[in-house]
Amino acid sequence: MPANDDDYLQLSGIQHFTFCRRRWALIHIEEAWSDNLLTVEGRLMHEHAHNPFFTEKRGDIIITREMPIFSKTLGVSGQCDVVEFYADKNGVDLHGRIGLWLPRPIEYKHGSPQMNDSDRLQLCAQAMCLEEMLLCPAIDTAYLYYGETRRREAVDLTPELRETVRTMFAEMRQYYERRYTPRVKPTKACKSCSLKDICLPRMPKSGSVREYIDGAVGGAE
């Protein structure tokens, strides 16, 4: 459990961590960042989805955007792109609302469904935060919306997925407290990573090592 708010890990980091532990450490420990086309397009999509001052009700569904969330148990904080609250007799009270409501988070992604579990783990972590904050029953299903397919994908929040979330955050916590950036083997995925030039700097094709070092030192002055 974090001692104060500054010690909470960023919930969204679990997606970076799943993709590459070194990438996560460069961003969240060394505070390095670099944009490419994919990250810019993804950010613009999230800005379109986010409107923290907008809540609407459609029949038996309340929709809220950019909802802050946290979990003392997991030691993480973040926000949900969208949370839909469904009228349900097994739900919880919401301030200023009549009836009982059950939440389901919806995470917006720019691209298409991933082959790994990075998006599903991030979504599951959001649900676990909502359960702890609202003291509501376990959320069995949540949704990922992908910009390329323009449709939702239902995600079953299984016990196995939840356990992976806990295990990963525990590992992230160990790295974070040690200020440790792990080494990894380069893969094909490195080509699309916005941090490839920071993570894997390459020597120029021509010129001496001394010229490279002098150029790097001179650029830092």
Protein backbone atom coordinates (compact mmCIF):
# COMPACT_ATOMS: atom_id res chain seq x y z
CA MET A 1 0.00 0.00 0.00
CA PRO A 2 1.51 3.41 -1.01
CA ALA A 3 2.44 5.80 1.80
CA ASN A 4 1.09 8.83 -0.12
CA ASP A 5 -0.43 9.83 -3.46
CA ASP A 6 2.99 10.32 -5.09
CA ASP A 7 3.79 6.64 -4.55
CA TYR A 8 0.86 5.35 -6.61
CA LEU A 9 1.81 3.74 -9.92
CA GLN A 10 0.04 4.89 -13.09
CA LEU A 11 -2.59 2.32 -13.94
CA SER A 12 -2.12 2.79 -17.68
CA GLY A 13 1.49 1.66 -17.27
CA ILE A 14 0.38 -1.96 -17.21
CA GLN A 15 -0.17 -1.75 -20.97
CA HIS A 16 3.40 -0.53 -21.51
CA PHE A 17 4.67 -3.16 -19.07
CA THR A 18 2.93 -5.97 -20.95
CA PHE A 19 4.28 -4.74 -24.29
CA CYS A 20 7.84 -4.27 -22.97
CA ARG A 21 9.13 -4.00 -19.41
CA ARG A 22 12.00 -1.77 -20.55
CA ARG A 23 9.61 0.61 -22.31
CA TRP A 24 7.57 0.90 -19.11
CA ALA A 25 10.68 1.66 -17.05
CA LEU A 26 11.95 4.27 -19.51
CA ILE A 27 8.61 6.09 -19.34
CA HIS A 28 7.64 5.67 -15.70
CA ILE A 29 11.02 5.55 -13.96
CA GLU A 30 13.39 7.49 -16.22
CA GLU A 31 10.58 9.79 -17.47
CA ALA A 32 11.62 9.47 -21.10
CA TRP A 33 9.06 9.95 -23.87
CA SER A 34 8.95 10.45 -27.60
CA ASP A 35 5.93 10.65 -29.90
CA ASN A 36 5.41 8.94 -33.21
CA LEU A 37 2.37 8.87 -35.51
CA LEU A 38 0.68 6.07 -33.57
CA THR A 39 1.00 7.78 -30.17
CA VAL A 40 -0.22 11.14 -31.54
CA GLU A 41 -3.26 9.58 -33.21
CA GLY A 42 -4.02 7.60 -30.07
CA ARG A 43 -3.84 10.72 -27.89
CA LEU A 44 -6.16 12.65 -30.20
CA MET A 45 -8.68 9.83 -30.03
CA HIS A 46 -8.60 9.84 -26.22
CA GLU A 47 -9.01 13.62 -26.11
CA HIS A 48 -12.14 13.22 -28.23
CA ALA A 49 -13.54 10.58 -25.87
CA HIS A 50 -12.69 12.55 -22.73
CA ASN A 51 -15.00 15.26 -21.44
CA PRO A 52 -14.82 15.35 -17.62
CA PHE A 53 -17.69 17.81 -17.40
CA PHE A 54 -20.12 15.68 -19.38
CA THR A 55 -22.46 13.04 -17.93
CA GLU A 56 -25.58 11.81 -19.64
CA LYS A 57 -28.38 9.37 -18.97
CA ARG A 58 -29.81 7.15 -21.68
CA GLY A 59 -32.72 5.13 -20.36
CA ASP A 60 -31.33 2.81 -17.69
CA ILE A 61 -27.69 3.75 -18.40
CA ILE A 62 -25.66 6.63 -16.92
CA ILE A 63 -22.56 7.52 -18.94
CA THR A 64 -19.61 9.39 -17.43
CA ARG A 65 -16.26 10.25 -18.98
CA GLU A 66 -12.70 10.61 -17.65
CA MET A 67 -13.58 9.23 -14.24
CA PRO A 68 -10.63 9.29 -11.77
CA ILE A 69 -10.00 5.89 -10.17
CA PHE A 70 -7.54 4.35 -7.73
CA SER A 71 -6.86 1.24 -5.69
CA LYS A 72 -5.03 1.23 -2.36
CA THR A 73 -4.74 -2.54 -2.61
CA LEU A 74 -3.00 -2.46 -5.99
CA GLY A 75 -1.24 0.84 -5.29
CA VAL A 76 -2.32 2.40 -8.60
CA SER A 77 -4.33 5.38 -9.83
CA GLY A 78 -5.59 6.57 -13.19
CA GLN A 79 -8.81 7.24 -15.01
CA CYS A 80 -11.42 5.50 -17.15
CA ASP A 81 -12.16 6.81 -20.62
CA VAL A 82 -15.84 5.99 -20.14
CA VAL A 83 -17.83 4.27 -17.38
CA GLU A 84 -21.40 3.15 -18.02
CA PHE A 85 -23.58 2.57 -14.97
CA TYR A 86 -26.43 0.12 -15.54
CA ALA A 87 -29.58 0.08 -13.39
CA ASP A 88 -29.42 -3.16 -11.40
CA LYS A 89 -31.03 -4.33 -8.15
CA ASN A 90 -27.64 -5.74 -7.08
CA GLY A 91 -25.86 -2.45 -7.69
CA VAL A 92 -24.73 0.39 -5.44
CA ASP A 93 -25.99 3.88 -4.62
CA LEU A 94 -24.71 6.82 -6.66
CA HIS A 95 -24.79 10.33 -5.24
CA GLY A 96 -27.68 12.31 -6.66
CA ARG A 97 -29.16 9.33 -8.50
CA ILE A 98 -32.24 7.27 -7.73
CA GLY A 99 -31.89 3.49 -7.73
CA LEU A 100 -28.96 1.09 -7.73
CA TRP A 101 -26.24 0.95 -10.38
CA LEU A 102 -23.48 -1.36 -11.59
CA PRO A 103 -20.44 0.07 -13.43
CA ARG A 104 -18.75 -1.21 -16.59
CA PRO A 105 -15.59 0.55 -17.85
CA ILE A 106 -15.01 1.15 -21.57
CA GLU A 107 -11.45 1.80 -22.78
CA TYR A 108 -10.86 3.50 -26.15
CA LYS A 109 -7.96 2.38 -28.32
CA HIS A 110 -6.77 3.92 -31.58
CA GLY A 111 -5.80 0.79 -33.45
CA SER A 112 -7.09 -2.77 -33.72
CA PRO A 113 -7.32 -5.63 -31.17
CA GLN A 114 -3.94 -6.72 -29.82
CA MET A 115 -2.52 -10.24 -29.98
CA ASN A 116 -1.32 -9.94 -26.37
CA ASP A 117 -3.35 -9.16 -23.23
CA SER A 118 -2.10 -5.58 -22.71
CA ASP A 119 -5.44 -3.88 -23.41
CA ARG A 120 -7.45 -6.47 -21.50
CA LEU A 121 -5.18 -6.20 -18.47
CA GLN A 122 -5.52 -2.41 -18.41
CA LEU A 123 -9.30 -2.72 -18.62
CA CYS A 124 -9.38 -5.37 -15.89
CA ALA A 125 -7.31 -3.14 -13.61
CA GLN A 126 -9.82 -0.33 -14.14
CA ALA A 127 -12.67 -2.65 -13.13
CA MET A 128 -10.79 -3.77 -10.02
CA CYS A 129 -10.33 -0.13 -9.00
CA LEU A 130 -14.04 0.59 -9.48
CA GLU A 131 -14.98 -2.44 -7.38
CA GLU A 132 -12.76 -1.28 -4.53
CA MET A 133 -13.83 2.37 -4.71
CA LEU A 134 -17.57 1.77 -4.99
CA LEU A 135 -17.73 -1.42 -2.88
CA CYS A 136 -19.72 -2.97 -5.69
CA PRO A 137 -20.05 -6.62 -6.76
CA ALA A 138 -17.40 -8.04 -9.08
CA ILE A 139 -17.65 -6.66 -12.62
CA ASP A 140 -17.82 -9.67 -14.91
CA THR A 141 -17.62 -7.90 -18.28
CA ALA A 142 -16.09 -4.67 -19.61
CA TYR A 143 -15.47 -3.31 -23.11
CA LEU A 144 -12.66 -2.22 -25.43
CA TYR A 145 -13.51 0.11 -28.31
CA TYR A 146 -11.07 0.09 -31.23
CA GLY A 147 -10.85 2.99 -33.67
CA GLU A 148 -9.95 0.85 -36.68
CA THR A 149 -12.86 -1.58 -36.32
CA ARG A 150 -15.23 1.06 -34.84
CA ARG A 151 -16.89 -1.44 -32.54
CA ARG A 152 -16.76 -2.70 -28.99
CA GLU A 153 -15.13 -5.91 -27.91
CA ALA A 154 -16.50 -7.54 -24.76
CA VAL A 155 -13.85 -8.71 -22.30
CA ASP A 156 -14.54 -11.36 -19.65
CA LEU A 157 -12.79 -10.32 -16.43
CA THR A 158 -11.76 -13.81 -15.37
CA PRO A 159 -9.97 -14.80 -12.13
CA GLU A 160 -6.89 -15.58 -14.23
CA LEU A 161 -6.86 -12.09 -15.76
CA ARG A 162 -7.26 -10.51 -12.33
CA GLU A 163 -4.40 -12.54 -10.90
CA THR A 164 -2.15 -11.46 -13.76
CA VAL A 165 -3.00 -7.83 -12.98
CA ARG A 166 -1.96 -8.31 -9.34
CA THR A 167 1.25 -10.10 -10.30
CA MET A 168 2.28 -7.47 -12.84
CA PHE A 169 1.67 -4.53 -10.53
CA ALA A 170 3.69 -6.27 -7.82
CA GLU A 171 6.59 -6.67 -10.27
CA MET A 172 6.24 -3.06 -11.42
CA ARG A 173 6.33 -1.94 -7.79
CA GLN A 174 9.62 -3.82 -7.23
CA TYR A 175 11.25 -2.18 -10.27
CA TYR A 176 9.89 1.23 -9.33
CA GLU A 177 11.18 1.12 -5.76
CA ARG A 178 14.61 -0.09 -6.96
CA ARG A 179 14.62 2.49 -9.80
CA TYR A 180 15.58 -0.40 -12.03
CA THR A 181 15.33 -0.35 -15.83
CA PRO A 182 15.53 -3.94 -17.14
CA ARG A 183 17.31 -4.97 -20.30
CA VAL A 184 15.40 -6.80 -23.01
CA LYS A 185 16.15 -8.49 -26.33
CA PRO A 186 15.14 -6.43 -29.38
CA THR A 187 12.16 -7.79 -31.32
CA LYS A 188 10.21 -6.85 -34.46
CA ALA A 189 7.87 -4.82 -32.24
CA CYS A 190 10.72 -2.40 -31.48
CA LYS A 191 10.36 -0.92 -34.98
CA SER A 192 6.97 0.62 -34.13
CA CYS A 193 7.96 1.78 -30.63
CA SER A 194 8.17 5.55 -30.19
CA LEU A 195 11.13 5.08 -27.83
CA LYS A 196 13.30 2.99 -30.15
CA ASP A 197 15.85 5.80 -30.69
CA ILE A 198 16.14 6.32 -26.93
CA CYS A 199 16.10 2.66 -26.00
CA LEU A 200 18.23 1.31 -28.86
CA PRO A 201 20.42 4.14 -30.23
CA ARG A 202 22.32 3.11 -33.35
CA MET A 203 25.81 4.14 -34.47
CA PRO A 204 25.88 6.18 -37.70
CA LYS A 205 26.76 4.25 -40.86
CA SER A 206 29.79 6.44 -41.49
CA GLY A 207 32.22 8.38 -39.31
CA SER A 208 34.41 7.40 -36.41
CA VAL A 209 33.43 6.53 -32.86
CA ARG A 210 35.19 9.73 -31.71
CA GLU A 211 33.01 11.82 -34.04
CA TYR A 212 29.89 10.15 -32.68
CA ILE A 213 30.90 10.80 -29.06
CA ASP A 214 31.96 14.39 -29.74
CA GLY A 215 28.65 15.03 -31.50
CA ALA A 216 26.62 13.56 -28.65
CA VAL A 217 28.54 15.54 -26.00
CA GLY A 218 28.38 18.73 -28.00
CA GLY A 219 24.62 18.39 -28.48
CA ALA A 220 24.14 18.08 -24.72
CA GLU A 221 25.94 21.37 -23.94
